[in-house]
Amino acid sequence: MKQKGSREATHAFSWYDGDPDTLSGQLDGFLKDVPDTIDGSSLPIPGARVVIAPHAGYSYSGPCAAWAYKTLDLSNAKRVFILGPSHTYYLHGCALTKFAAYSTPFGDLTVDEATVQALRATGKFKDIPNGSDEDEHSLEMHLPYLYKRIAQTFGASDRYPTVVPILVGDNKGPEEKEFGRLLAPYLRDPENAFVVSSDFCHWGLRFTYTAYAPAGRVEQLQTLRRRAERPTDPPIHESIKQLDNLAMDAVESGDHDRFVDNLKQTNNTVCGRHPIGVVMAALEELAKEKPEEGKCRFRFVQYQRSSLVEDINESSVSYASAYAII
């Protein structure tokens, strides 16, 4: 099946500014606010071909996402894989776009037809319905940032890398490992970069997740009910931070099973847990082949929340940015 058509930038003028000049200035501002060095390295970090970044509206998560995109090393990239969760329809397994290009306010990014067809030929992938593809925000929210960083890196548009958009569905741990093994050869290739799309904890009654660790004891995790008294030991936002830190620690461990087990324990509403799981599994495969200190493991560099919750009637979404050197 040949890739056809261009996916519209359906969230422009709502989730982010659709005017290219205004959007460019906003992204430049976010990137400028990130330090010029992280973890003792100038940016982008050499070999940091994989990042985790959030996908909320730019007024919420744009500043946090800038930390991931400023670390991302695209210097040798010929294609960029973008893995995100499906918010618009139930998906089991993984699915590939049917579009030939993805539009942004800055211009189109071309889908890598050869790579998409090779993945499709494995028989392991489904196709994303076009309507669901255009409704989905988890992939689109990365495109303006990606376009910006590609333009900064390559200058001439005829040198721009292609993109490989993949939705990752509701998979169990062994299934994530299977897709990780399938994608590991692509991750190994120095001409490929990977963007993993995920927000972290979605806390509040509207998310049906109000987990709370009294006195910081996660082993005694409880669910706060409507009209519950305001807890102060710790405040709710500190409990949320603790839950997110445990999830991020598990991701940084490089142990896919530990990450899966952490989410089973806390039920933390990390919406991109499956894309993260698939890429962690792929990184584990590479680490087995050639163990090197400081490589093939994510390192988080920024953590933010949309608000600091103190009361059961409030809500927040957490955002985190990370990179991995290969």
C-alpha atoms as a PDB file:
ATOM      1  CA  MET A   1       0.000   0.000   0.000  1.00  0.00           C
ATOM      2  CA  LYS A   2       1.524   3.301  -1.115  1.00  0.00           C
ATOM      3  CA  GLN A   3       1.554   6.224   1.322  1.00  0.00           C
ATOM      4  CA  LYS A   4      -0.904   8.915   0.220  1.00  0.00           C
ATOM      5  CA  GLY A   5      -1.805  12.494   1.080  1.00  0.00           C
ATOM      6  CA  SER A   6      -0.657  14.885   3.753  1.00  0.00           C
ATOM      7  CA  ARG A   7      -1.875  14.829   7.331  1.00  0.00           C
ATOM      8  CA  GLU A   8      -3.135  18.267   8.297  1.00  0.00           C
ATOM      9  CA  ALA A   9      -1.808  20.088  11.348  1.00  0.00           C
ATOM     10  CA  THR A  10      -5.179  19.724  13.046  1.00  0.00           C
ATOM     11  CA  HIS A  11      -4.109  21.081  16.430  1.00  0.00           C
ATOM     12  CA  ALA A  12      -2.586  24.307  15.098  1.00  0.00           C
ATOM     13  CA  PHE A  13      -4.356  27.457  16.344  1.00  0.00           C
ATOM     14  CA  SER A  14      -5.632  25.553  19.387  1.00  0.00           C
ATOM     15  CA  TRP A  15      -2.948  23.470  21.100  1.00  0.00           C
ATOM     16  CA  TYR A  16      -0.201  25.673  19.668  1.00  0.00           C
ATOM     17  CA  ASP A  17       0.038  28.819  17.559  1.00  0.00           C
ATOM     18  CA  GLY A  18      -0.559  28.178  13.876  1.00  0.00           C
ATOM     19  CA  ASP A  19       1.195  31.315  12.659  1.00  0.00           C
ATOM     20  CA  PRO A  20       4.711  30.202  11.657  1.00  0.00           C
ATOM     21  CA  ASP A  21       6.458  33.402  12.743  1.00  0.00           C
ATOM     22  CA  THR A  22       4.745  33.516  16.121  1.00  0.00           C
ATOM     23  CA  LEU A  23       5.282  29.796  16.673  1.00  0.00           C
ATOM     24  CA  SER A  24       8.944  30.036  15.685  1.00  0.00           C
ATOM     25  CA  GLY A  25       9.509  32.842  18.161  1.00  0.00           C
ATOM     26  CA  GLN A  26       7.797  30.911  20.928  1.00  0.00           C
ATOM     27  CA  LEU A  27       9.872  27.772  20.343  1.00  0.00           C
ATOM     28  CA  ASP A  28      13.068  29.831  20.119  1.00  0.00           C
ATOM     29  CA  GLY A  29      12.189  31.348  23.484  1.00  0.00           C
ATOM     30  CA  PHE A  30      11.578  27.966  25.084  1.00  0.00           C
ATOM     31  CA  LEU A  31      14.871  26.614  23.710  1.00  0.00           C
ATOM     32  CA  LYS A  32      16.782  29.719  24.808  1.00  0.00           C
ATOM     33  CA  ASP A  33      15.610  29.181  28.380  1.00  0.00           C
ATOM     34  CA  VAL A  34      17.353  25.787  28.468  1.00  0.00           C
ATOM     35  CA  PRO A  35      20.983  25.963  29.653  1.00  0.00           C
ATOM     36  CA  ASP A  36      23.718  25.622  27.041  1.00  0.00           C
ATOM     37  CA  THR A  37      25.221  22.673  28.909  1.00  0.00           C
ATOM     38  CA  ILE A  38      23.555  19.684  30.596  1.00  0.00           C
ATOM     39  CA  ASP A  39      25.319  16.923  32.502  1.00  0.00           C
ATOM     40  CA  GLY A  40      28.652  18.536  31.638  1.00  0.00           C
ATOM     41  CA  SER A  41      28.041  18.423  27.896  1.00  0.00           C
ATOM     42  CA  SER A  42      27.333  21.164  25.405  1.00  0.00           C
ATOM     43  CA  LEU A  43      24.051  20.846  23.545  1.00  0.00           C
ATOM     44  CA  PRO A  44      22.985  18.916  21.627  1.00  0.00           C
ATOM     45  CA  ILE A  45      24.557  16.041  23.549  1.00  0.00           C
ATOM     46  CA  PRO A  46      26.669  13.945  21.131  1.00  0.00           C
ATOM     47  CA  GLY A  47      25.026  10.568  20.532  1.00  0.00           C
ATOM     48  CA  ALA A  48      21.758  11.526  22.246  1.00  0.00           C
ATOM     49  CA  ARG A  49      19.620  10.105  19.453  1.00  0.00           C
ATOM     50  CA  VAL A  50      16.633   9.237  21.663  1.00  0.00           C
ATOM     51  CA  VAL A  51      14.460  11.549  23.756  1.00  0.00           C
ATOM     52  CA  ILE A  52      11.282  11.416  25.807  1.00  0.00           C
ATOM     53  CA  ALA A  53       9.224  14.607  25.626  1.00  0.00           C
ATOM     54  CA  PRO A  54       5.679  15.652  26.608  1.00  0.00           C
ATOM     55  CA  HIS A  55       2.807  16.278  24.206  1.00  0.00           C
ATOM     56  CA  ALA A  56       0.417  18.730  25.880  1.00  0.00           C
ATOM     57  CA  GLY A  57      -0.439  22.177  24.551  1.00  0.00           C
ATOM     58  CA  TYR A  58       2.680  24.314  24.284  1.00  0.00           C
ATOM     59  CA  SER A  59       1.483  26.757  26.932  1.00  0.00           C
ATOM     60  CA  TYR A  60       1.613  23.834  29.368  1.00  0.00           C
ATOM     61  CA  SER A  61       4.419  21.515  28.261  1.00  0.00           C
ATOM     62  CA  GLY A  62       6.352  23.551  25.691  1.00  0.00           C
ATOM     63  CA  PRO A  63       8.994  24.769  28.170  1.00  0.00           C
ATOM     64  CA  CYS A  64       9.608  21.231  29.430  1.00  0.00           C
ATOM     65  CA  ALA A  65       9.768  19.722  25.932  1.00  0.00           C
ATOM     66  CA  ALA A  66      12.484  22.226  25.004  1.00  0.00           C
ATOM     67  CA  TRP A  67      14.879  20.431  27.361  1.00  0.00           C
ATOM     68  CA  ALA A  68      14.514  17.189  25.404  1.00  0.00           C
ATOM     69  CA  TYR A  69      14.741  18.831  21.999  1.00  0.00           C
ATOM     70  CA  LYS A  70      17.815  20.871  22.875  1.00  0.00           C
ATOM     71  CA  THR A  71      19.656  17.686  23.911  1.00  0.00           C
ATOM     72  CA  LEU A  72      18.587  15.749  20.773  1.00  0.00           C
ATOM     73  CA  ASP A  73      21.488  15.006  18.429  1.00  0.00           C
ATOM     74  CA  LEU A  74      20.206  15.023  14.849  1.00  0.00           C
ATOM     75  CA  SER A  75      23.590  15.589  13.211  1.00  0.00           C
ATOM     76  CA  ASN A  76      23.635  12.225  11.409  1.00  0.00           C
ATOM     77  CA  ALA A  77      19.879  11.640  11.209  1.00  0.00           C
ATOM     78  CA  LYS A  78      18.289  10.594   7.946  1.00  0.00           C
ATOM     79  CA  ARG A  79      15.008   9.587   9.562  1.00  0.00           C
ATOM     80  CA  VAL A  80      13.274  10.245  12.873  1.00  0.00           C
ATOM     81  CA  PHE A  81      10.937   7.697  14.443  1.00  0.00           C
ATOM     82  CA  ILE A  82       8.136   9.259  16.493  1.00  0.00           C
ATOM     83  CA  LEU A  83       6.369   6.886  18.887  1.00  0.00           C
ATOM     84  CA  GLY A  84       3.255   8.017  20.711  1.00  0.00           C
ATOM     85  CA  PRO A  85       0.222   6.567  22.513  1.00  0.00           C
ATOM     86  CA  SER A  86      -3.239   6.402  20.986  1.00  0.00           C
ATOM     87  CA  HIS A  87      -5.754   8.717  22.661  1.00  0.00           C
ATOM     88  CA  THR A  88      -8.416   8.604  19.944  1.00  0.00           C
ATOM     89  CA  TYR A  89      -9.190   4.887  19.540  1.00  0.00           C
ATOM     90  CA  TYR A  90      -8.375   1.621  21.274  1.00  0.00           C
ATOM     91  CA  LEU A  91      -5.260   0.051  19.811  1.00  0.00           C
ATOM     92  CA  HIS A  92      -3.605  -3.220  20.645  1.00  0.00           C
ATOM     93  CA  GLY A  93      -0.163  -3.675  19.161  1.00  0.00           C
ATOM     94  CA  CYS A  94       1.353  -0.873  17.086  1.00  0.00           C
ATOM     95  CA  ALA A  95       0.137   0.987  14.008  1.00  0.00           C
ATOM     96  CA  LEU A  96       1.683   2.900  11.120  1.00  0.00           C
ATOM     97  CA  THR A  97       0.515   6.035   9.355  1.00  0.00           C
ATOM     98  CA  LYS A  98      -0.956   5.797   5.864  1.00  0.00           C
ATOM     99  CA  PHE A  99      -0.069   9.406   5.047  1.00  0.00           C
ATOM    100  CA  ALA A 100       2.876  10.397   2.835  1.00  0.00           C
ATOM    101  CA  ALA A 101       3.614  13.605   4.751  1.00  0.00           C
ATOM    102  CA  TYR A 102       2.809  15.382   8.009  1.00  0.00           C
ATOM    103  CA  SER A 103       2.093  19.106   7.780  1.00  0.00           C
ATOM    104  CA  THR A 104       3.327  21.714  10.238  1.00  0.00           C
ATOM    105  CA  PRO A 105       2.966  25.513  10.194  1.00  0.00           C
ATOM    106  CA  PHE A 106       6.602  25.584   8.992  1.00  0.00           C
ATOM    107  CA  GLY A 107       6.137  23.117   6.122  1.00  0.00           C
ATOM    108  CA  ASP A 108       5.724  19.398   5.554  1.00  0.00           C
ATOM    109  CA  LEU A 109       7.816  16.560   6.952  1.00  0.00           C
ATOM    110  CA  THR A 110       8.004  13.617   4.548  1.00  0.00           C
ATOM    111  CA  VAL A 111       7.104  10.159   5.802  1.00  0.00           C
ATOM    112  CA  ASP A 112       9.829   7.603   5.095  1.00  0.00           C
ATOM    113  CA  GLU A 113       7.892   5.318   2.775  1.00  0.00           C
ATOM    114  CA  ALA A 114      10.593   2.645   2.471  1.00  0.00           C
ATOM    115  CA  THR A 115      10.881   2.241   6.241  1.00  0.00           C
ATOM    116  CA  VAL A 116       7.122   2.272   6.821  1.00  0.00           C
ATOM    117  CA  GLN A 117       6.647  -0.346   4.114  1.00  0.00           C
ATOM    118  CA  ALA A 118       9.423  -2.504   5.586  1.00  0.00           C
ATOM    119  CA  LEU A 119       7.755  -2.372   8.994  1.00  0.00           C
ATOM    120  CA  ARG A 120       4.354  -3.059   7.459  1.00  0.00           C
ATOM    121  CA  ALA A 121       5.817  -6.085   5.644  1.00  0.00           C
ATOM    122  CA  THR A 122       6.665  -7.721   9.001  1.00  0.00           C
ATOM    123  CA  GLY A 123       2.943  -8.309   9.520  1.00  0.00           C
ATOM    124  CA  LYS A 124       3.273  -7.011  13.087  1.00  0.00           C
ATOM    125  CA  PHE A 125       1.788  -3.559  12.501  1.00  0.00           C
ATOM    126  CA  LYS A 126      -1.717  -2.289  11.874  1.00  0.00           C
ATOM    127  CA  ASP A 127      -2.612   0.869   9.948  1.00  0.00           C
ATOM    128  CA  ILE A 128      -3.781   4.026  11.698  1.00  0.00           C
ATOM    129  CA  PRO A 129      -7.193   5.095  10.341  1.00  0.00           C
ATOM    130  CA  ASN A 130      -6.715   8.484   8.693  1.00  0.00           C
ATOM    131  CA  GLY A 131      -9.378  10.118  10.843  1.00  0.00           C
ATOM    132  CA  SER A 132      -7.792   8.845  14.050  1.00  0.00           C
ATOM    133  CA  ASP A 133      -4.368   9.897  12.781  1.00  0.00           C
ATOM    134  CA  GLU A 134      -5.555  13.477  12.291  1.00  0.00           C
ATOM    135  CA  ASP A 135      -7.402  13.527  15.631  1.00  0.00           C
ATOM    136  CA  GLU A 136      -4.378  12.241  17.546  1.00  0.00           C
ATOM    137  CA  HIS A 137      -2.181  14.830  19.264  1.00  0.00           C
ATOM    138  CA  SER A 138       0.602  12.655  20.688  1.00  0.00           C
ATOM    139  CA  LEU A 139       2.510  12.628  17.389  1.00  0.00           C
ATOM    140  CA  GLU A 140       1.568  16.057  16.052  1.00  0.00           C
ATOM    141  CA  MET A 141       2.701  17.978  19.121  1.00  0.00           C
ATOM    142  CA  HIS A 142       6.299  16.962  18.387  1.00  0.00           C
ATOM    143  CA  LEU A 143       6.344  18.028  14.746  1.00  0.00           C
ATOM    144  CA  PRO A 144       6.886  21.811  15.114  1.00  0.00           C
ATOM    145  CA  TYR A 145       9.699  21.250  17.621  1.00  0.00           C
ATOM    146  CA  LEU A 146      11.205  18.572  15.403  1.00  0.00           C
ATOM    147  CA  TYR A 147      10.956  20.771  12.314  1.00  0.00           C
ATOM    148  CA  LYS A 148      12.615  23.620  14.203  1.00  0.00           C
ATOM    149  CA  ARG A 149      15.537  21.445  15.328  1.00  0.00           C
ATOM    150  CA  ILE A 150      15.892  19.852  11.873  1.00  0.00           C
ATOM    151  CA  ALA A 151      16.046  23.281  10.244  1.00  0.00           C
ATOM    152  CA  GLN A 152      18.654  24.423  12.780  1.00  0.00           C
ATOM    153  CA  THR A 153      20.729  21.298  12.136  1.00  0.00           C
ATOM    154  CA  PHE A 154      20.530  20.921   8.355  1.00  0.00           C
ATOM    155  CA  GLY A 155      19.647  24.299   6.892  1.00  0.00           C
ATOM    156  CA  ALA A 156      18.722  23.243   3.351  1.00  0.00           C
ATOM    157  CA  SER A 157      15.343  21.491   3.163  1.00  0.00           C
ATOM    158  CA  ASP A 158      16.618  18.906   0.666  1.00  0.00           C
ATOM    159  CA  ARG A 159      18.748  17.468   3.492  1.00  0.00           C
ATOM    160  CA  TYR A 160      15.893  17.173   6.004  1.00  0.00           C
ATOM    161  CA  PRO A 161      15.390  13.716   7.550  1.00  0.00           C
ATOM    162  CA  THR A 162      12.151  11.854   6.935  1.00  0.00           C
ATOM    163  CA  VAL A 163       9.797  10.767   9.721  1.00  0.00           C
ATOM    164  CA  VAL A 164       8.399   7.392  10.763  1.00  0.00           C
ATOM    165  CA  PRO A 165       5.252   7.967  12.885  1.00  0.00           C
ATOM    166  CA  ILE A 166       4.133   4.981  14.984  1.00  0.00           C
ATOM    167  CA  LEU A 167       1.245   4.713  17.425  1.00  0.00           C
ATOM    168  CA  VAL A 168       1.908   2.268  20.255  1.00  0.00           C
ATOM    169  CA  GLY A 169      -1.165   0.614  21.721  1.00  0.00           C
ATOM    170  CA  ASP A 170      -2.166  -1.112  24.939  1.00  0.00           C
ATOM    171  CA  ASN A 171       0.464  -3.859  25.093  1.00  0.00           C
ATOM    172  CA  LYS A 172       1.611  -6.078  27.933  1.00  0.00           C
ATOM    173  CA  GLY A 173       5.268  -6.288  28.937  1.00  0.00           C
ATOM    174  CA  PRO A 174       6.174  -9.273  26.716  1.00  0.00           C
ATOM    175  CA  GLU A 175       4.525  -7.582  23.731  1.00  0.00           C
ATOM    176  CA  GLU A 176       6.517  -4.416  24.353  1.00  0.00           C
ATOM    177  CA  LYS A 177       9.666  -6.544  24.374  1.00  0.00           C
ATOM    178  CA  GLU A 178       8.676  -8.087  21.039  1.00  0.00           C
ATOM    179  CA  PHE A 179       8.264  -4.679  19.405  1.00  0.00           C
ATOM    180  CA  GLY A 180      11.476  -3.544  21.109  1.00  0.00           C
ATOM    181  CA  ARG A 181      13.387  -6.388  19.489  1.00  0.00           C
ATOM    182  CA  LEU A 182      11.819  -5.519  16.145  1.00  0.00           C
ATOM    183  CA  LEU A 183      12.844  -1.858  16.402  1.00  0.00           C
ATOM    184  CA  ALA A 184      16.297  -2.492  17.919  1.00  0.00           C
ATOM    185  CA  PRO A 185      18.068  -2.700  14.519  1.00  0.00           C
ATOM    186  CA  TYR A 186      16.638   0.706  13.607  1.00  0.00           C
ATOM    187  CA  LEU A 187      17.723   2.108  16.969  1.00  0.00           C
ATOM    188  CA  ARG A 188      21.223   0.706  16.416  1.00  0.00           C
ATOM    189  CA  ASP A 189      21.553   2.550  13.093  1.00  0.00           C
ATOM    190  CA  PRO A 190      23.329   5.899  13.711  1.00  0.00           C
ATOM    191  CA  GLU A 191      21.263   7.469  10.920  1.00  0.00           C
ATOM    192  CA  ASN A 192      18.063   7.079  12.974  1.00  0.00           C
ATOM    193  CA  ALA A 193      16.769   9.222  15.844  1.00  0.00           C
ATOM    194  CA  PHE A 194      13.794   8.443  18.092  1.00  0.00           C
ATOM    195  CA  VAL A 195      11.268  10.725  19.803  1.00  0.00           C
ATOM    196  CA  VAL A 196       9.098   9.103  22.479  1.00  0.00           C
ATOM    197  CA  SER A 197       5.900  10.982  23.266  1.00  0.00           C
ATOM    198  CA  SER A 198       4.588  10.885  26.823  1.00  0.00           C
ATOM    199  CA  ASP A 199       3.188  12.954  29.627  1.00  0.00           C
ATOM    200  CA  PHE A 200       3.491  11.594  33.163  1.00  0.00           C
ATOM    201  CA  CYS A 201       0.985  11.545  36.008  1.00  0.00           C
ATOM    202  CA  HIS A 202      -2.556  12.706  35.186  1.00  0.00           C
ATOM    203  CA  TRP A 203      -3.934  13.367  38.660  1.00  0.00           C
ATOM    204  CA  GLY A 204      -7.481  14.339  39.628  1.00  0.00           C
ATOM    205  CA  LEU A 205     -11.080  13.213  39.680  1.00  0.00           C
ATOM    206  CA  ARG A 206     -11.416  13.992  35.971  1.00  0.00           C
ATOM    207  CA  PHE A 207      -8.643  11.472  35.281  1.00  0.00           C
ATOM    208  CA  THR A 208     -10.093   8.930  37.774  1.00  0.00           C
ATOM    209  CA  TYR A 209      -6.690   8.824  39.444  1.00  0.00           C
ATOM    210  CA  THR A 210      -6.335  10.307  42.925  1.00  0.00           C
ATOM    211  CA  ALA A 211      -3.618   8.098  44.401  1.00  0.00           C
ATOM    212  CA  TYR A 212      -1.954   9.454  47.532  1.00  0.00           C
ATOM    213  CA  ALA A 213       0.962   8.195  49.618  1.00  0.00           C
ATOM    214  CA  PRO A 214       0.348   9.152  53.291  1.00  0.00           C
ATOM    215  CA  ALA A 215       3.558  10.291  54.974  1.00  0.00           C
ATOM    216  CA  GLY A 216       5.309   9.381  51.726  1.00  0.00           C
ATOM    217  CA  ARG A 217       4.643   5.657  52.184  1.00  0.00           C
ATOM    218  CA  VAL A 218       3.983   4.346  48.685  1.00  0.00           C
ATOM    219  CA  GLU A 219       3.411   0.853  50.084  1.00  0.00           C
ATOM    220  CA  GLN A 220       0.316   2.337  51.772  1.00  0.00           C
ATOM    221  CA  LEU A 221      -0.966   4.051  48.639  1.00  0.00           C
ATOM    222  CA  GLN A 222      -4.614   5.060  48.971  1.00  0.00           C
ATOM    223  CA  THR A 223      -7.255   6.647  46.757  1.00  0.00           C
ATOM    224  CA  LEU A 224      -8.570  10.020  47.874  1.00  0.00           C
ATOM    225  CA  ARG A 225     -12.338  10.284  47.590  1.00  0.00           C
ATOM    226  CA  ARG A 226     -14.497  13.245  46.665  1.00  0.00           C
ATOM    227  CA  ARG A 227     -14.904  15.670  49.600  1.00  0.00           C
ATOM    228  CA  ALA A 228     -11.833  14.205  51.298  1.00  0.00           C
ATOM    229  CA  GLU A 229     -10.086  16.523  53.724  1.00  0.00           C
ATOM    230  CA  ARG A 230      -7.057  18.300  52.330  1.00  0.00           C
ATOM    231  CA  PRO A 231      -3.990  16.179  53.215  1.00  0.00           C
ATOM    232  CA  THR A 232      -0.828  17.958  54.299  1.00  0.00           C
ATOM    233  CA  ASP A 233       1.648  15.157  55.104  1.00  0.00           C
ATOM    234  CA  PRO A 234       2.699  15.513  52.373  1.00  0.00           C
ATOM    235  CA  PRO A 235       0.697  17.947  50.216  1.00  0.00           C
ATOM    236  CA  ILE A 236      -0.910  16.164  47.263  1.00  0.00           C
ATOM    237  CA  HIS A 237       1.513  17.679  44.752  1.00  0.00           C
ATOM    238  CA  GLU A 238       4.467  16.249  46.674  1.00  0.00           C
ATOM    239  CA  SER A 239       2.857  12.807  46.617  1.00  0.00           C
ATOM    240  CA  ILE A 240       2.384  13.155  42.848  1.00  0.00           C
ATOM    241  CA  LYS A 241       6.036  14.106  42.489  1.00  0.00           C
ATOM    242  CA  GLN A 242       7.038  11.050  44.507  1.00  0.00           C
ATOM    243  CA  LEU A 243       4.990   8.757  42.249  1.00  0.00           C
ATOM    244  CA  ASP A 244       6.526  10.324  39.150  1.00  0.00           C
ATOM    245  CA  ASN A 245      10.038  10.086  40.593  1.00  0.00           C
ATOM    246  CA  LEU A 246       9.548   6.363  41.169  1.00  0.00           C
ATOM    247  CA  ALA A 247       8.441   5.947  37.541  1.00  0.00           C
ATOM    248  CA  MET A 248      11.350   8.026  36.253  1.00  0.00           C
ATOM    249  CA  ASP A 249      13.805   6.105  38.430  1.00  0.00           C
ATOM    250  CA  ALA A 250      12.493   2.890  36.899  1.00  0.00           C
ATOM    251  CA  VAL A 251      12.950   4.311  33.386  1.00  0.00           C
ATOM    252  CA  GLU A 252      16.477   5.478  34.212  1.00  0.00           C
ATOM    253  CA  SER A 253      17.352   2.005  35.525  1.00  0.00           C
ATOM    254  CA  GLY A 254      17.273   0.674  31.967  1.00  0.00           C
ATOM    255  CA  ASP A 255      15.319  -2.318  33.241  1.00  0.00           C
ATOM    256  CA  HIS A 256      12.100  -2.668  31.262  1.00  0.00           C
ATOM    257  CA  ASP A 257      10.602  -5.114  33.760  1.00  0.00           C
ATOM    258  CA  ARG A 258      11.212  -2.702  36.627  1.00  0.00           C
ATOM    259  CA  PHE A 259       9.284   0.017  34.781  1.00  0.00           C
ATOM    260  CA  VAL A 260       6.370  -2.345  34.086  1.00  0.00           C
ATOM    261  CA  ASP A 261       6.348  -3.472  37.721  1.00  0.00           C
ATOM    262  CA  ASN A 262       6.403   0.102  38.998  1.00  0.00           C
ATOM    263  CA  LEU A 263       3.293   0.988  37.016  1.00  0.00           C
ATOM    264  CA  LYS A 264       1.563  -2.155  38.245  1.00  0.00           C
ATOM    265  CA  GLN A 265       2.296  -1.086  41.814  1.00  0.00           C
ATOM    266  CA  THR A 266       1.208   2.549  41.564  1.00  0.00           C
ATOM    267  CA  ASN A 267      -1.112   2.578  38.503  1.00  0.00           C
ATOM    268  CA  ASN A 268       0.533   5.896  37.684  1.00  0.00           C
ATOM    269  CA  THR A 269      -1.243   7.384  34.680  1.00  0.00           C
ATOM    270  CA  VAL A 270       1.814   7.768  32.434  1.00  0.00           C
ATOM    271  CA  CYS A 271      -0.025   8.012  29.123  1.00  0.00           C
ATOM    272  CA  GLY A 272       3.036   7.141  27.045  1.00  0.00           C
ATOM    273  CA  ARG A 273       4.006   4.160  29.173  1.00  0.00           C
ATOM    274  CA  HIS A 274       3.766   1.790  26.200  1.00  0.00           C
ATOM    275  CA  PRO A 275       5.916   3.842  23.801  1.00  0.00           C
ATOM    276  CA  ILE A 276       8.421   4.274  26.640  1.00  0.00           C
ATOM    277  CA  GLY A 277       8.265   0.532  27.317  1.00  0.00           C
ATOM    278  CA  VAL A 278       8.882  -0.395  23.674  1.00  0.00           C
ATOM    279  CA  VAL A 279      11.912   1.897  23.377  1.00  0.00           C
ATOM    280  CA  MET A 280      13.268   0.771  26.759  1.00  0.00           C
ATOM    281  CA  ALA A 281      13.023  -2.817  25.520  1.00  0.00           C
ATOM    282  CA  ALA A 282      14.884  -1.861  22.328  1.00  0.00           C
ATOM    283  CA  LEU A 283      17.583  -0.062  24.341  1.00  0.00           C
ATOM    284  CA  GLU A 284      17.940  -3.154  26.524  1.00  0.00           C
ATOM    285  CA  GLU A 285      18.617  -5.229  23.419  1.00  0.00           C
ATOM    286  CA  LEU A 286      21.417  -2.864  22.394  1.00  0.00           C
ATOM    287  CA  ALA A 287      22.835  -2.808  25.923  1.00  0.00           C
ATOM    288  CA  LYS A 288      23.077  -6.602  25.897  1.00  0.00           C
ATOM    289  CA  GLU A 289      25.081  -6.492  22.682  1.00  0.00           C
ATOM    290  CA  LYS A 290      27.560  -3.866  23.849  1.00  0.00           C
ATOM    291  CA  PRO A 291      27.327  -2.805  27.490  1.00  0.00           C
ATOM    292  CA  GLU A 292      28.774   0.692  27.986  1.00  0.00           C
ATOM    293  CA  GLU A 293      28.508   2.887  31.043  1.00  0.00           C
ATOM    294  CA  GLY A 294      26.198   5.837  30.459  1.00  0.00           C
ATOM    295  CA  LYS A 295      24.728   4.500  27.224  1.00  0.00           C
ATOM    296  CA  CYS A 296      21.384   2.953  26.263  1.00  0.00           C
ATOM    297  CA  ARG A 297      19.681   4.360  29.376  1.00  0.00           C
ATOM    298  CA  PHE A 298      17.444   7.359  29.704  1.00  0.00           C
ATOM    299  CA  ARG A 299      18.448  10.287  31.878  1.00  0.00           C
ATOM    300  CA  PHE A 300      15.794  12.797  32.908  1.00  0.00           C
ATOM    301  CA  VAL A 301      16.749  16.441  32.727  1.00  0.00           C
ATOM    302  CA  GLN A 302      13.489  18.263  33.447  1.00  0.00           C
ATOM    303  CA  TYR A 303      10.262  17.703  35.378  1.00  0.00           C
ATOM    304  CA  GLN A 304       7.311  20.095  35.575  1.00  0.00           C
ATOM    305  CA  ARG A 305       3.609  20.034  36.433  1.00  0.00           C
ATOM    306  CA  SER A 306       0.687  22.014  35.081  1.00  0.00           C
ATOM    307  CA  SER A 307      -0.238  23.012  38.654  1.00  0.00           C
ATOM    308  CA  LEU A 308       0.605  22.176  42.257  1.00  0.00           C
ATOM    309  CA  VAL A 309      -2.401  20.289  43.575  1.00  0.00           C
ATOM    310  CA  GLU A 310      -3.407  20.723  47.216  1.00  0.00           C
ATOM    311  CA  ASP A 311      -7.089  19.777  47.151  1.00  0.00           C
ATOM    312  CA  ILE A 312      -9.030  16.761  45.831  1.00  0.00           C
ATOM    313  CA  ASN A 313     -11.034  19.022  43.498  1.00  0.00           C
ATOM    314  CA  GLU A 314      -7.890  20.198  41.687  1.00  0.00           C
ATOM    315  CA  SER A 315      -5.999  18.394  38.951  1.00  0.00           C
ATOM    316  CA  SER A 316      -2.623  18.395  37.251  1.00  0.00           C
ATOM    317  CA  VAL A 317      -0.617  16.745  34.493  1.00  0.00           C
ATOM    318  CA  SER A 318       3.096  16.078  34.875  1.00  0.00           C
ATOM    319  CA  TYR A 319       5.676  16.593  32.141  1.00  0.00           C
ATOM    320  CA  ALA A 320       9.195  15.176  31.904  1.00  0.00           C
ATOM    321  CA  SER A 321      12.050  15.292  29.412  1.00  0.00           C
ATOM    322  CA  ALA A 322      14.839  12.762  29.043  1.00  0.00           C
ATOM    323  CA  TYR A 323      17.573  11.718  26.627  1.00  0.00           C
ATOM    324  CA  ALA A 324      19.507   8.528  25.961  1.00  0.00           C
ATOM    325  CA  ILE A 325      22.926   8.247  24.362  1.00  0.00           C
ATOM    326  CA  ILE A 326      23.523   5.335  22.002  1.00  0.00           C
END
